[in-house]
Amino acid sequence: PDGRFAYASVRTTNVIGVFRIDPASGRLTRVALVDVEGSPRSFALDPSGRFLICAGQSDNVVAVYAIDREDGNLTRTQSISMPENPSWVETLSVRNKP
């Protein structure tokens, strides 16, 4: 969300690529390839930019990864088994009424 990093899923090798975005040129530099759930079909960043949520389609798992604020790298913090074929991740912000 802050525009410093980009993420891409590579379903055939079960990784999410982490890239730093050069603010002047927009050029991407690879930071890491992170092993994730089988066939990462979909992923999303939470609105705060602190977490990436990934649906592993072939493993039937959804996992949460903490995003390192300095280098954009991912650390798995939680996972949960899902019904067959999870293929979409959505996040939302919930605000309390004043």
PDB file of N, CA and C in Angstrom:
ATOM      1  N   PRO A   1       0.791  -1.226   0.000  1.00  0.00           N
ATOM      2  CA  PRO A   1       0.000   0.000   0.000  1.00  0.00           C
ATOM      3  C   PRO A   1       0.833   1.291   0.000  1.00  0.00           C
ATOM      4  N   ASP A   2       2.080   1.224   0.497  1.00  0.00           N
ATOM      5  CA  ASP A   2       2.893   2.443   0.505  1.00  0.00           C
ATOM      6  C   ASP A   2       3.705   2.616  -0.770  1.00  0.00           C
ATOM      7  N   GLY A   3       3.586   1.666  -1.711  1.00  0.00           N
ATOM      8  CA  GLY A   3       4.241   1.790  -3.011  1.00  0.00           C
ATOM      9  C   GLY A   3       5.720   1.442  -3.042  1.00  0.00           C
ATOM     10  N   ARG A   4       6.267   0.920  -1.938  1.00  0.00           N
ATOM     11  CA  ARG A   4       7.697   0.585  -1.916  1.00  0.00           C
ATOM     12  C   ARG A   4       7.990  -0.818  -2.408  1.00  0.00           C
ATOM     13  N   PHE A   5       6.997  -1.718  -2.358  1.00  0.00           N
ATOM     14  CA  PHE A   5       7.219  -3.113  -2.722  1.00  0.00           C
ATOM     15  C   PHE A   5       6.096  -3.613  -3.617  1.00  0.00           C
ATOM     16  N   ALA A   6       6.432  -4.609  -4.445  1.00  0.00           N
ATOM     17  CA  ALA A   6       5.452  -5.290  -5.287  1.00  0.00           C
ATOM     18  C   ALA A   6       5.597  -6.787  -5.038  1.00  0.00           C
ATOM     19  N   TYR A   7       4.487  -7.498  -5.188  1.00  0.00           N
ATOM     20  CA  TYR A   7       4.470  -8.941  -4.949  1.00  0.00           C
ATOM     21  C   TYR A   7       3.837  -9.623  -6.149  1.00  0.00           C
ATOM     22  N   ALA A   8       4.343 -10.813  -6.489  1.00  0.00           N
ATOM     23  CA  ALA A   8       3.800 -11.573  -7.617  1.00  0.00           C
ATOM     24  C   ALA A   8       3.795 -13.053  -7.259  1.00  0.00           C
ATOM     25  N   SER A   9       2.683 -13.728  -7.557  1.00  0.00           N
ATOM     26  CA  SER A   9       2.631 -15.170  -7.292  1.00  0.00           C
ATOM     27  C   SER A   9       3.106 -15.931  -8.523  1.00  0.00           C
ATOM     28  N   VAL A  10       3.839 -17.000  -8.268  1.00  0.00           N
ATOM     29  CA  VAL A  10       4.304 -17.899  -9.326  1.00  0.00           C
ATOM     30  C   VAL A  10       3.736 -19.268  -8.983  1.00  0.00           C
ATOM     31  N   ARG A  11       2.603 -19.586  -9.587  1.00  0.00           N
ATOM     32  CA  ARG A  11       1.856 -20.781  -9.205  1.00  0.00           C
ATOM     33  C   ARG A  11       2.606 -22.074  -9.509  1.00  0.00           C
ATOM     34  N   THR A  12       3.383 -22.102 -10.569  1.00  0.00           N
ATOM     35  CA  THR A  12       4.048 -23.353 -10.946  1.00  0.00           C
ATOM     36  C   THR A  12       5.185 -23.732 -10.004  1.00  0.00           C
ATOM     37  N   THR A  13       5.753 -22.762  -9.292  1.00  0.00           N
ATOM     38  CA  THR A  13       6.859 -23.071  -8.365  1.00  0.00           C
ATOM     39  C   THR A  13       6.493 -22.772  -6.912  1.00  0.00           C
ATOM     40  N   ASN A  14       5.227 -22.397  -6.662  1.00  0.00           N
ATOM     41  CA  ASN A  14       4.724 -22.180  -5.305  1.00  0.00           C
ATOM     42  C   ASN A  14       5.510 -21.131  -4.533  1.00  0.00           C
ATOM     43  N   VAL A  15       5.747 -20.004  -5.174  1.00  0.00           N
ATOM     44  CA  VAL A  15       6.447 -18.909  -4.511  1.00  0.00           C
ATOM     45  C   VAL A  15       5.704 -17.595  -4.733  1.00  0.00           C
ATOM     46  N   ILE A  16       5.989 -16.653  -3.859  1.00  0.00           N
ATOM     47  CA  ILE A  16       5.616 -15.260  -4.077  1.00  0.00           C
ATOM     48  C   ILE A  16       6.909 -14.482  -4.178  1.00  0.00           C
ATOM     49  N   GLY A  17       7.051 -13.758  -5.284  1.00  0.00           N
ATOM     50  CA  GLY A  17       8.226 -12.915  -5.479  1.00  0.00           C
ATOM     51  C   GLY A  17       8.020 -11.581  -4.785  1.00  0.00           C
ATOM     52  N   VAL A  18       9.058 -11.148  -4.092  1.00  0.00           N
ATOM     53  CA  VAL A  18       9.042  -9.855  -3.400  1.00  0.00           C
ATOM     54  C   VAL A  18      10.002  -8.932  -4.150  1.00  0.00           C
ATOM     55  N   PHE A  19       9.526  -7.757  -4.529  1.00  0.00           N
ATOM     56  CA  PHE A  19      10.323  -6.816  -5.302  1.00  0.00           C
ATOM     57  C   PHE A  19      10.274  -5.433  -4.664  1.00  0.00           C
ATOM     58  N   ARG A  20      11.421  -4.769  -4.646  1.00  0.00           N
ATOM     59  CA  ARG A  20      11.496  -3.369  -4.215  1.00  0.00           C
ATOM     60  C   ARG A  20      11.253  -2.502  -5.451  1.00  0.00           C
ATOM     61  N   ILE A  21      10.472  -1.440  -5.289  1.00  0.00           N
ATOM     62  CA  ILE A  21      10.175  -0.526  -6.391  1.00  0.00           C
ATOM     63  C   ILE A  21      11.028   0.727  -6.225  1.00  0.00           C
ATOM     64  N   ASP A  22      11.825   1.029  -7.240  1.00  0.00           N
ATOM     65  CA  ASP A  22      12.605   2.268  -7.219  1.00  0.00           C
ATOM     66  C   ASP A  22      11.639   3.428  -7.420  1.00  0.00           C
ATOM     67  N   PRO A  23      11.576   4.375  -6.462  1.00  0.00           N
ATOM     68  CA  PRO A  23      10.594   5.459  -6.568  1.00  0.00           C
ATOM     69  C   PRO A  23      10.840   6.399  -7.742  1.00  0.00           C
ATOM     70  N   ALA A  24      12.069   6.531  -8.195  1.00  0.00           N
ATOM     71  CA  ALA A  24      12.368   7.446  -9.297  1.00  0.00           C
ATOM     72  C   ALA A  24      12.048   6.843 -10.659  1.00  0.00           C
ATOM     73  N   SER A  25      12.447   5.566 -10.841  1.00  0.00           N
ATOM     74  CA  SER A  25      12.303   4.955 -12.160  1.00  0.00           C
ATOM     75  C   SER A  25      11.161   3.950 -12.262  1.00  0.00           C
ATOM     76  N   GLY A  26      10.698   3.442 -11.118  1.00  0.00           N
ATOM     77  CA  GLY A  26       9.693   2.379 -11.135  1.00  0.00           C
ATOM     78  C   GLY A  26      10.285   1.003 -11.370  1.00  0.00           C
ATOM     79  N   ARG A  27      11.600   0.940 -11.510  1.00  0.00           N
ATOM     80  CA  ARG A  27      12.279  -0.336 -11.765  1.00  0.00           C
ATOM     81  C   ARG A  27      12.141  -1.260 -10.551  1.00  0.00           C
ATOM     82  N   LEU A  28      11.940  -2.562 -10.825  1.00  0.00           N
ATOM     83  CA  LEU A  28      11.810  -3.570  -9.776  1.00  0.00           C
ATOM     84  C   LEU A  28      13.140  -4.272  -9.536  1.00  0.00           C
ATOM     85  N   THR A  29      13.458  -4.486  -8.270  1.00  0.00           N
ATOM     86  CA  THR A  29      14.625  -5.265  -7.878  1.00  0.00           C
ATOM     87  C   THR A  29      14.145  -6.394  -6.980  1.00  0.00           C
ATOM     88  N   ARG A  30      14.519  -7.620  -7.312  1.00  0.00           N
ATOM     89  CA  ARG A  30      14.064  -8.764  -6.516  1.00  0.00           C
ATOM     90  C   ARG A  30      14.684  -8.735  -5.134  1.00  0.00           C
ATOM     91  N   VAL A  31      13.836  -8.876  -4.123  1.00  0.00           N
ATOM     92  CA  VAL A  31      14.260  -8.976  -2.729  1.00  0.00           C
ATOM     93  C   VAL A  31      14.326 -10.440  -2.330  1.00  0.00           C
ATOM     94  N   ALA A  32      13.286 -11.218  -2.677  1.00  0.00           N
ATOM     95  CA  ALA A  32      13.222 -12.620  -2.246  1.00  0.00           C
ATOM     96  C   ALA A  32      12.203 -13.376  -3.080  1.00  0.00           C
ATOM     97  N   LEU A  33      12.346 -14.689  -3.070  1.00  0.00           N
ATOM     98  CA  LEU A  33      11.325 -15.612  -3.546  1.00  0.00           C
ATOM     99  C   LEU A  33      10.920 -16.416  -2.322  1.00  0.00           C
ATOM    100  N   VAL A  34       9.682 -16.272  -1.886  1.00  0.00           N
ATOM    101  CA  VAL A  34       9.213 -16.879  -0.644  1.00  0.00           C
ATOM    102  C   VAL A  34       8.380 -18.110  -0.959  1.00  0.00           C
ATOM    103  N   ASP A  35       8.777 -19.265  -0.408  1.00  0.00           N
ATOM    104  CA  ASP A  35       7.993 -20.489  -0.560  1.00  0.00           C
ATOM    105  C   ASP A  35       6.666 -20.317   0.165  1.00  0.00           C
ATOM    106  N   VAL A  36       5.571 -20.608  -0.546  1.00  0.00           N
ATOM    107  CA  VAL A  36       4.232 -20.482   0.028  1.00  0.00           C
ATOM    108  C   VAL A  36       3.442 -21.747  -0.261  1.00  0.00           C
ATOM    109  N   GLU A  37       2.155 -21.699   0.019  1.00  0.00           N
ATOM    110  CA  GLU A  37       1.266 -22.830  -0.193  1.00  0.00           C
ATOM    111  C   GLU A  37       1.236 -23.222  -1.664  1.00  0.00           C
ATOM    112  N   GLY A  38       0.865 -24.484  -1.902  1.00  0.00           N
ATOM    113  CA  GLY A  38       0.827 -24.996  -3.266  1.00  0.00           C
ATOM    114  C   GLY A  38      -0.126 -24.227  -4.155  1.00  0.00           C
ATOM    115  N   SER A  39       0.364 -23.821  -5.300  1.00  0.00           N
ATOM    116  CA  SER A  39      -0.389 -23.085  -6.310  1.00  0.00           C
ATOM    117  C   SER A  39      -1.049 -21.836  -5.725  1.00  0.00           C
ATOM    118  N   PRO A  40      -0.228 -20.816  -5.379  1.00  0.00           N
ATOM    119  CA  PRO A  40      -0.777 -19.595  -4.776  1.00  0.00           C
ATOM    120  C   PRO A  40      -1.696 -18.869  -5.747  1.00  0.00           C
ATOM    121  N   ARG A  41      -2.955 -19.250  -5.708  1.00  0.00           N
ATOM    122  CA  ARG A  41      -3.951 -18.783  -6.673  1.00  0.00           C
ATOM    123  C   ARG A  41      -4.256 -17.296  -6.528  1.00  0.00           C
ATOM    124  N   SER A  42      -4.376 -16.849  -5.300  1.00  0.00           N
ATOM    125  CA  SER A  42      -4.740 -15.461  -5.061  1.00  0.00           C
ATOM    126  C   SER A  42      -4.054 -14.982  -3.791  1.00  0.00           C
ATOM    127  N   PHE A  43      -3.783 -13.681  -3.735  1.00  0.00           N
ATOM    128  CA  PHE A  43      -3.268 -13.109  -2.500  1.00  0.00           C
ATOM    129  C   PHE A  43      -3.699 -11.656  -2.432  1.00  0.00           C
ATOM    130  N   ALA A  44      -3.660 -11.114  -1.223  1.00  0.00           N
ATOM    131  CA  ALA A  44      -4.030  -9.709  -1.024  1.00  0.00           C
ATOM    132  C   ALA A  44      -3.238  -9.157   0.150  1.00  0.00           C
ATOM    133  N   LEU A  45      -3.028  -7.845   0.123  1.00  0.00           N
ATOM    134  CA  LEU A  45      -2.414  -7.157   1.252  1.00  0.00           C
ATOM    135  C   LEU A  45      -3.530  -6.555   2.091  1.00  0.00           C
ATOM    136  N   ASP A  46      -3.362  -6.615   3.414  1.00  0.00           N
ATOM    137  CA  ASP A  46      -4.367  -5.966   4.246  1.00  0.00           C
ATOM    138  C   ASP A  46      -4.223  -4.449   4.084  1.00  0.00           C
ATOM    139  N   PRO A  47      -5.257  -3.680   4.400  1.00  0.00           N
ATOM    140  CA  PRO A  47      -5.207  -2.227   4.169  1.00  0.00           C
ATOM    141  C   PRO A  47      -4.059  -1.509   4.880  1.00  0.00           C
ATOM    142  N   SER A  48      -3.587  -2.046   5.993  1.00  0.00           N
ATOM    143  CA  SER A  48      -2.487  -1.395   6.715  1.00  0.00           C
ATOM    144  C   SER A  48      -1.131  -1.684   6.085  1.00  0.00           C
ATOM    145  N   GLY A  49      -1.069  -2.683   5.208  1.00  0.00           N
ATOM    146  CA  GLY A  49       0.202  -3.067   4.598  1.00  0.00           C
ATOM    147  C   GLY A  49       1.083  -3.902   5.501  1.00  0.00           C
ATOM    148  N   ARG A  50       0.538  -4.426   6.582  1.00  0.00           N
ATOM    149  CA  ARG A  50       1.319  -5.236   7.529  1.00  0.00           C
ATOM    150  C   ARG A  50       1.295  -6.721   7.206  1.00  0.00           C
ATOM    151  N   PHE A  51       0.279  -7.172   6.448  1.00  0.00           N
ATOM    152  CA  PHE A  51       0.114  -8.599   6.202  1.00  0.00           C
ATOM    153  C   PHE A  51      -0.241  -8.887   4.752  1.00  0.00           C
ATOM    154  N   LEU A  52       0.226 -10.047   4.269  1.00  0.00           N
ATOM    155  CA  LEU A  52      -0.165 -10.592   2.976  1.00  0.00           C
ATOM    156  C   LEU A  52      -0.906 -11.884   3.273  1.00  0.00           C
ATOM    157  N   ILE A  53      -2.084 -12.053   2.674  1.00  0.00           N
ATOM    158  CA  ILE A  53      -2.886 -13.255   2.865  1.00  0.00           C
ATOM    159  C   ILE A  53      -2.884 -14.004   1.545  1.00  0.00           C
ATOM    160  N   CYS A  54      -2.541 -15.290   1.594  1.00  0.00           N
ATOM    161  CA  CYS A  54      -2.357 -16.091   0.378  1.00  0.00           C
ATOM    162  C   CYS A  54      -3.228 -17.333   0.405  1.00  0.00           C
ATOM    163  N   ALA A  55      -3.953 -17.593  -0.689  1.00  0.00           N
ATOM    164  CA  ALA A  55      -4.750 -18.808  -0.840  1.00  0.00           C
ATOM    165  C   ALA A  55      -3.969 -19.815  -1.674  1.00  0.00           C
ATOM    166  N   GLY A  56      -3.633 -20.939  -1.065  1.00  0.00           N
ATOM    167  CA  GLY A  56      -2.950 -22.022  -1.769  1.00  0.00           C
ATOM    168  C   GLY A  56      -3.972 -22.985  -2.346  1.00  0.00           C
ATOM    169  N   GLN A  57      -4.223 -22.863  -3.639  1.00  0.00           N
ATOM    170  CA  GLN A  57      -5.311 -23.601  -4.278  1.00  0.00           C
ATOM    171  C   GLN A  57      -5.135 -25.117  -4.211  1.00  0.00           C
ATOM    172  N   SER A  58      -3.953 -25.625  -4.480  1.00  0.00           N
ATOM    173  CA  SER A  58      -3.780 -27.080  -4.501  1.00  0.00           C
ATOM    174  C   SER A  58      -3.589 -27.681  -3.109  1.00  0.00           C
ATOM    175  N   ASP A  59      -3.168 -26.873  -2.131  1.00  0.00           N
ATOM    176  CA  ASP A  59      -2.994 -27.365  -0.754  1.00  0.00           C
ATOM    177  C   ASP A  59      -4.222 -27.110   0.116  1.00  0.00           C
ATOM    178  N   ASN A  60      -5.197 -26.354  -0.403  1.00  0.00           N
ATOM    179  CA  ASN A  60      -6.411 -26.028   0.349  1.00  0.00           C
ATOM    180  C   ASN A  60      -6.082 -25.357   1.678  1.00  0.00           C
ATOM    181  N   VAL A  61      -5.242 -24.332   1.599  1.00  0.00           N
ATOM    182  CA  VAL A  61      -4.784 -23.599   2.776  1.00  0.00           C
ATOM    183  C   VAL A  61      -4.821 -22.105   2.469  1.00  0.00           C
ATOM    184  N   VAL A  62      -5.183 -21.320   3.471  1.00  0.00           N
ATOM    185  CA  VAL A  62      -5.003 -19.872   3.414  1.00  0.00           C
ATOM    186  C   VAL A  62      -4.032 -19.519   4.530  1.00  0.00           C
ATOM    187  N   ALA A  63      -2.997 -18.763   4.208  1.00  0.00           N
ATOM    188  CA  ALA A  63      -1.967 -18.413   5.186  1.00  0.00           C
ATOM    189  C   ALA A  63      -1.790 -16.904   5.251  1.00  0.00           C
ATOM    190  N   VAL A  64      -1.347 -16.465   6.417  1.00  0.00           N
ATOM    191  CA  VAL A  64      -1.070 -15.047   6.652  1.00  0.00           C
ATOM    192  C   VAL A  64       0.430 -14.886   6.825  1.00  0.00           C
ATOM    193  N   TYR A  65       0.981 -13.886   6.150  1.00  0.00           N
ATOM    194  CA  TYR A  65       2.405 -13.580   6.220  1.00  0.00           C
ATOM    195  C   TYR A  65       2.579 -12.147   6.717  1.00  0.00           C
ATOM    196  N   ALA A  66       3.444 -11.964   7.708  1.00  0.00           N
ATOM    197  CA  ALA A  66       3.800 -10.615   8.150  1.00  0.00           C
ATOM    198  C   ALA A  66       4.746 -10.024   7.115  1.00  0.00           C
ATOM    199  N   ILE A  67       4.564  -8.747   6.812  1.00  0.00           N
ATOM    200  CA  ILE A  67       5.425  -8.045   5.862  1.00  0.00           C
ATOM    201  C   ILE A  67       6.449  -7.241   6.650  1.00  0.00           C
ATOM    202  N   ASP A  68       7.727  -7.495   6.391  1.00  0.00           N
ATOM    203  CA  ASP A  68       8.795  -6.729   7.024  1.00  0.00           C
ATOM    204  C   ASP A  68       8.763  -5.310   6.463  1.00  0.00           C
ATOM    205  N   ARG A  69       8.624  -4.317   7.319  1.00  0.00           N
ATOM    206  CA  ARG A  69       8.494  -2.925   6.881  1.00  0.00           C
ATOM    207  C   ARG A  69       9.763  -2.383   6.229  1.00  0.00           C
ATOM    208  N   GLU A  70      10.921  -2.991   6.528  1.00  0.00           N
ATOM    209  CA  GLU A  70      12.185  -2.504   5.970  1.00  0.00           C
ATOM    210  C   GLU A  70      12.477  -3.053   4.583  1.00  0.00           C
ATOM    211  N   ASP A  71      12.317  -4.376   4.412  1.00  0.00           N
ATOM    212  CA  ASP A  71      12.710  -4.971   3.132  1.00  0.00           C
ATOM    213  C   ASP A  71      11.566  -5.635   2.366  1.00  0.00           C
ATOM    214  N   GLY A  72      10.343  -5.629   2.926  1.00  0.00           N
ATOM    215  CA  GLY A  72       9.197  -6.196   2.235  1.00  0.00           C
ATOM    216  C   GLY A  72       9.097  -7.699   2.299  1.00  0.00           C
ATOM    217  N   ASN A  73      10.078  -8.364   2.915  1.00  0.00           N
ATOM    218  CA  ASN A  73      10.082  -9.815   2.971  1.00  0.00           C
ATOM    219  C   ASN A  73       8.901 -10.338   3.779  1.00  0.00           C
ATOM    220  N   LEU A  74       8.570 -11.608   3.580  1.00  0.00           N
ATOM    221  CA  LEU A  74       7.398 -12.225   4.192  1.00  0.00           C
ATOM    222  C   LEU A  74       7.793 -13.296   5.196  1.00  0.00           C
ATOM    223  N   THR A  75       7.071 -13.335   6.319  1.00  0.00           N
ATOM    224  CA  THR A  75       7.246 -14.378   7.332  1.00  0.00           C
ATOM    225  C   THR A  75       5.877 -14.951   7.657  1.00  0.00           C
ATOM    226  N   ARG A  76       5.730 -16.249   7.470  1.00  0.00           N
ATOM    227  CA  ARG A  76       4.440 -16.902   7.728  1.00  0.00           C
ATOM    228  C   ARG A  76       4.116 -16.849   9.216  1.00  0.00           C
ATOM    229  N   THR A  77       2.907 -16.383   9.534  1.00  0.00           N
ATOM    230  CA  THR A  77       2.500 -16.282  10.933  1.00  0.00           C
ATOM    231  C   THR A  77       1.349 -17.204  11.283  1.00  0.00           C
ATOM    232  N   GLN A  78       0.543 -17.575  10.295  1.00  0.00           N
ATOM    233  CA  GLN A  78      -0.622 -18.393  10.580  1.00  0.00           C
ATOM    234  C   GLN A  78      -1.123 -19.040   9.299  1.00  0.00           C
ATOM    235  N   SER A  79      -1.750 -20.213   9.446  1.00  0.00           N
ATOM    236  CA  SER A  79      -2.400 -20.837   8.298  1.00  0.00           C
ATOM    237  C   SER A  79      -3.630 -21.595   8.783  1.00  0.00           C
ATOM    238  N   ILE A  80      -4.556 -21.783   7.868  1.00  0.00           N
ATOM    239  CA  ILE A  80      -5.783 -22.502   8.190  1.00  0.00           C
ATOM    240  C   ILE A  80      -6.199 -23.336   6.980  1.00  0.00           C
ATOM    241  N   SER A  81      -6.643 -24.562   7.245  1.00  0.00           N
ATOM    242  CA  SER A  81      -7.160 -25.418   6.176  1.00  0.00           C
ATOM    243  C   SER A  81      -8.495 -24.870   5.700  1.00  0.00           C
ATOM    244  N   MET A  82      -8.726 -24.999   4.419  1.00  0.00           N
ATOM    245  CA  MET A  82      -9.943 -24.481   3.807  1.00  0.00           C
ATOM    246  C   MET A  82     -10.648 -25.594   3.048  1.00  0.00           C
ATOM    247  N   PRO A  83     -11.940 -25.372   2.726  1.00  0.00           N
ATOM    248  CA  PRO A  83     -12.597 -26.310   1.818  1.00  0.00           C
ATOM    249  C   PRO A  83     -11.841 -26.342   0.495  1.00  0.00           C
ATOM    250  N   GLU A  84     -12.144 -27.313  -0.299  1.00  0.00           N
ATOM    251  CA  GLU A  84     -11.432 -27.533  -1.557  1.00  0.00           C
ATOM    252  C   GLU A  84     -11.396 -26.304  -2.447  1.00  0.00           C
ATOM    253  N   ASN A  85     -10.194 -26.057  -3.011  1.00  0.00           N
ATOM    254  CA  ASN A  85      -9.999 -25.086  -4.081  1.00  0.00           C
ATOM    255  C   ASN A  85     -10.177 -23.616  -3.682  1.00  0.00           C
ATOM    256  N   PRO A  86      -9.526 -23.141  -2.608  1.00  0.00           N
ATOM    257  CA  PRO A  86      -9.638 -21.704  -2.311  1.00  0.00           C
ATOM    258  C   PRO A  86      -8.983 -20.915  -3.442  1.00  0.00           C
ATOM    259  N   SER A  87      -9.704 -19.936  -3.962  1.00  0.00           N
ATOM    260  CA  SER A  87      -9.172 -19.246  -5.134  1.00  0.00           C
ATOM    261  C   SER A  87      -9.356 -17.730  -5.095  1.00  0.00           C
ATOM    262  N   TRP A  88      -9.735 -17.172  -3.945  1.00  0.00           N
ATOM    263  CA  TRP A  88      -9.897 -15.730  -3.881  1.00  0.00           C
ATOM    264  C   TRP A  88      -9.615 -15.256  -2.465  1.00  0.00           C
ATOM    265  N   VAL A  89      -8.952 -14.116  -2.354  1.00  0.00           N
ATOM    266  CA  VAL A  89      -8.679 -13.488  -1.062  1.00  0.00           C
ATOM    267  C   VAL A  89      -9.120 -12.042  -1.156  1.00  0.00           C
ATOM    268  N   GLU A  90      -9.835 -11.591  -0.168  1.00  0.00           N
ATOM    269  CA  GLU A  90     -10.295 -10.201  -0.115  1.00  0.00           C
ATOM    270  C   GLU A  90     -10.075  -9.687   1.297  1.00  0.00           C
ATOM    271  N   THR A  91      -9.705  -8.439   1.431  1.00  0.00           N
ATOM    272  CA  THR A  91      -9.568  -7.814   2.744  1.00  0.00           C
ATOM    273  C   THR A  91     -10.484  -6.601   2.817  1.00  0.00           C
ATOM    274  N   LEU A  92     -10.858  -6.224   4.014  1.00  0.00           N
ATOM    275  CA  LEU A  92     -11.651  -5.032   4.190  1.00  0.00           C
ATOM    276  C   LEU A  92     -11.264  -4.315   5.471  1.00  0.00           C
ATOM    277  N   SER A  93     -11.574  -3.059   5.502  1.00  0.00           N
ATOM    278  CA  SER A  93     -11.369  -2.256   6.696  1.00  0.00           C
ATOM    279  C   SER A  93     -12.700  -2.122   7.414  1.00  0.00           C
ATOM    280  N   VAL A  94     -12.655  -2.311   8.717  1.00  0.00           N
ATOM    281  CA  VAL A  94     -13.858  -2.149   9.531  1.00  0.00           C
ATOM    282  C   VAL A  94     -13.604  -0.966  10.451  1.00  0.00           C
ATOM    283  N   ARG A  95     -14.496  -0.025  10.412  1.00  0.00           N
ATOM    284  CA  ARG A  95     -14.356   1.165  11.250  1.00  0.00           C
ATOM    285  C   ARG A  95     -15.539   1.237  12.209  1.00  0.00           C
ATOM    286  N   ASN A  96     -15.221   1.543  13.439  1.00  0.00           N
ATOM    287  CA  ASN A  96     -16.270   1.724  14.439  1.00  0.00           C
ATOM    288  C   ASN A  96     -16.932   3.076  14.238  1.00  0.00           C
ATOM    289  N   LYS A  97     -18.225   3.103  14.421  1.00  0.00           N
ATOM    290  CA  LYS A  97     -18.945   4.378  14.343  1.00  0.00           C
ATOM    291  C   LYS A  97     -18.618   5.194  15.591  1.00  0.00           C
ATOM    292  N   PRO A  98     -18.455   6.522  15.443  1.00  0.00           N
ATOM    293  CA  PRO A  98     -18.155   7.354  16.615  1.00  0.00           C
ATOM    294  C   PRO A  98     -19.312   7.442  17.586  1.00  0.00           C
TER     295      PRO A  98
END
